Amino acid sequence: MTSITLPARCDRAAAEALCPEFVAAMGDGPTRVDASGVTHVGQAVLQLLVSARRSGGGAIIVASPALDEAARLTGLTAELFEEVEL
């Protein structure tokens, strides 16, 4: 399983920097996204995470409290964290 670790500050610049890593990881089964150290998350990274969950083998996201809160506020909790049954 491929693993990607997110930086503490996940803003638009971080999303742009992470995008190639996500593209390379998709399709080889689920990708583990370690977001446990995230303290700030913006819309661009939320979009990237939703895309990762829907693409290739999907993504398993280990969230920080800040990411949990951002997902709750934007209505993305189920989209980002609930298991998808195939």
C-alpha atoms as a PDB file:
ATOM      1  CA  MET A   1       0.000   0.000   0.000  1.00  0.00           C
ATOM      2  CA  THR A   2       1.339   3.408  -0.991  1.00  0.00           C
ATOM      3  CA  SER A   3       1.485   6.012   1.771  1.00  0.00           C
ATOM      4  CA  ILE A   4       1.381   9.804   1.502  1.00  0.00           C
ATOM      5  CA  THR A   5       2.011  12.075   4.492  1.00  0.00           C
ATOM      6  CA  LEU A   6       0.380  15.490   4.459  1.00  0.00           C
ATOM      7  CA  PRO A   7       2.143  18.576   5.839  1.00  0.00           C
ATOM      8  CA  ALA A   8       0.830  20.482   8.856  1.00  0.00           C
ATOM      9  CA  ARG A   9      -0.417  23.345   6.684  1.00  0.00           C
ATOM     10  CA  CYS A  10      -2.551  21.986   3.856  1.00  0.00           C
ATOM     11  CA  ASP A  11      -3.314  25.031   1.745  1.00  0.00           C
ATOM     12  CA  ARG A  12      -3.485  25.569  -2.015  1.00  0.00           C
ATOM     13  CA  ALA A  13       0.302  25.493  -2.392  1.00  0.00           C
ATOM     14  CA  ALA A  14       0.408  22.167  -0.550  1.00  0.00           C
ATOM     15  CA  ALA A  15      -2.336  20.781  -2.823  1.00  0.00           C
ATOM     16  CA  GLU A  16      -0.344  21.789  -5.911  1.00  0.00           C
ATOM     17  CA  ALA A  17       2.800  20.169  -4.520  1.00  0.00           C
ATOM     18  CA  LEU A  18       0.978  16.973  -3.479  1.00  0.00           C
ATOM     19  CA  CYS A  19      -1.044  16.472  -6.661  1.00  0.00           C
ATOM     20  CA  PRO A  20       1.698  14.621  -8.626  1.00  0.00           C
ATOM     21  CA  GLU A  21       2.295  12.297  -5.671  1.00  0.00           C
ATOM     22  CA  PHE A  22      -1.418  11.477  -5.496  1.00  0.00           C
ATOM     23  CA  VAL A  23      -1.626  10.883  -9.257  1.00  0.00           C
ATOM     24  CA  ALA A  24       1.343   8.512  -9.105  1.00  0.00           C
ATOM     25  CA  ALA A  25      -0.168   6.590  -6.169  1.00  0.00           C
ATOM     26  CA  MET A  26      -3.653   6.079  -7.599  1.00  0.00           C
ATOM     27  CA  GLY A  27      -4.537   2.774  -9.188  1.00  0.00           C
ATOM     28  CA  ASP A  28      -2.198   0.520  -7.215  1.00  0.00           C
ATOM     29  CA  GLY A  29      -4.838  -0.361  -4.640  1.00  0.00           C
ATOM     30  CA  PRO A  30      -5.784   1.850  -1.723  1.00  0.00           C
ATOM     31  CA  THR A  31      -3.479   4.713  -0.798  1.00  0.00           C
ATOM     32  CA  ARG A  32      -2.925   5.472   2.886  1.00  0.00           C
ATOM     33  CA  VAL A  33      -3.027   9.211   3.556  1.00  0.00           C
ATOM     34  CA  ASP A  34      -1.466  10.183   6.876  1.00  0.00           C
ATOM     35  CA  ALA A  35      -3.105  13.472   7.800  1.00  0.00           C
ATOM     36  CA  SER A  36      -2.562  13.025  11.535  1.00  0.00           C
ATOM     37  CA  GLY A  37      -0.254  16.056  11.712  1.00  0.00           C
ATOM     38  CA  VAL A  38      -2.508  18.469   9.803  1.00  0.00           C
ATOM     39  CA  THR A  39      -3.262  21.673  11.733  1.00  0.00           C
ATOM     40  CA  HIS A  40      -4.766  23.727   8.882  1.00  0.00           C
ATOM     41  CA  VAL A  41      -6.653  22.454   5.847  1.00  0.00           C
ATOM     42  CA  GLY A  42      -8.047  24.458   2.958  1.00  0.00           C
ATOM     43  CA  GLN A  43     -10.564  23.754   0.250  1.00  0.00           C
ATOM     44  CA  ALA A  44      -7.989  22.699  -2.357  1.00  0.00           C
ATOM     45  CA  VAL A  45      -6.682  19.863  -0.179  1.00  0.00           C
ATOM     46  CA  LEU A  46     -10.220  18.795   0.728  1.00  0.00           C
ATOM     47  CA  GLN A  47     -10.941  18.540  -3.009  1.00  0.00           C
ATOM     48  CA  LEU A  48      -7.748  16.556  -3.536  1.00  0.00           C
ATOM     49  CA  LEU A  49      -8.716  14.134  -0.759  1.00  0.00           C
ATOM     50  CA  VAL A  50     -12.240  13.649  -2.156  1.00  0.00           C
ATOM     51  CA  SER A  51     -10.728  12.957  -5.575  1.00  0.00           C
ATOM     52  CA  ALA A  52      -8.284  10.463  -4.063  1.00  0.00           C
ATOM     53  CA  ARG A  53     -11.119   8.637  -2.325  1.00  0.00           C
ATOM     54  CA  ARG A  54     -13.030   8.351  -5.615  1.00  0.00           C
ATOM     55  CA  SER A  55     -10.067   7.445  -7.840  1.00  0.00           C
ATOM     56  CA  GLY A  56      -8.170   4.266  -8.562  1.00  0.00           C
ATOM     57  CA  GLY A  57      -8.020   2.034  -5.520  1.00  0.00           C
ATOM     58  CA  GLY A  58      -9.337   4.753  -3.221  1.00  0.00           C
ATOM     59  CA  ALA A  59      -7.720   6.242  -0.166  1.00  0.00           C
ATOM     60  CA  ILE A  60      -7.709   5.490   3.535  1.00  0.00           C
ATOM     61  CA  ILE A  61      -7.302   8.746   5.446  1.00  0.00           C
ATOM     62  CA  VAL A  62      -5.885   8.930   8.973  1.00  0.00           C
ATOM     63  CA  ALA A  63      -7.192  12.299  10.122  1.00  0.00           C
ATOM     64  CA  SER A  64      -6.105  14.908  12.618  1.00  0.00           C
ATOM     65  CA  PRO A  65      -8.632  16.799  14.752  1.00  0.00           C
ATOM     66  CA  ALA A  66      -8.264  19.788  12.387  1.00  0.00           C
ATOM     67  CA  LEU A  67      -9.109  17.663   9.339  1.00  0.00           C
ATOM     68  CA  ASP A  68     -12.017  16.022  11.176  1.00  0.00           C
ATOM     69  CA  GLU A  69     -13.395  19.466  12.004  1.00  0.00           C
ATOM     70  CA  ALA A  70     -12.960  20.781   8.445  1.00  0.00           C
ATOM     71  CA  ALA A  71     -14.742  17.704   7.095  1.00  0.00           C
ATOM     72  CA  ARG A  72     -17.579  18.171   9.569  1.00  0.00           C
ATOM     73  CA  LEU A  73     -17.979  21.875   8.732  1.00  0.00           C
ATOM     74  CA  THR A  74     -18.054  21.200   4.986  1.00  0.00           C
ATOM     75  CA  GLY A  75     -20.296  18.132   5.156  1.00  0.00           C
ATOM     76  CA  LEU A  76     -17.536  15.827   3.884  1.00  0.00           C
ATOM     77  CA  THR A  77     -17.206  13.464   6.851  1.00  0.00           C
ATOM     78  CA  ALA A  78     -18.923  10.538   5.124  1.00  0.00           C
ATOM     79  CA  GLU A  79     -17.155  11.267   1.822  1.00  0.00           C
ATOM     80  CA  LEU A  80     -13.695  11.281   3.406  1.00  0.00           C
ATOM     81  CA  PHE A  81     -13.845   8.759   6.235  1.00  0.00           C
ATOM     82  CA  GLU A  82     -16.629   6.205   5.911  1.00  0.00           C
ATOM     83  CA  GLU A  83     -15.760   2.835   4.455  1.00  0.00           C
ATOM     84  CA  VAL A  84     -17.105   2.180   1.005  1.00  0.00           C
ATOM     85  CA  GLU A  85     -18.519  -1.280   0.415  1.00  0.00           C
ATOM     86  CA  LEU A  86     -18.028  -2.637  -3.078  1.00  0.00           C
END
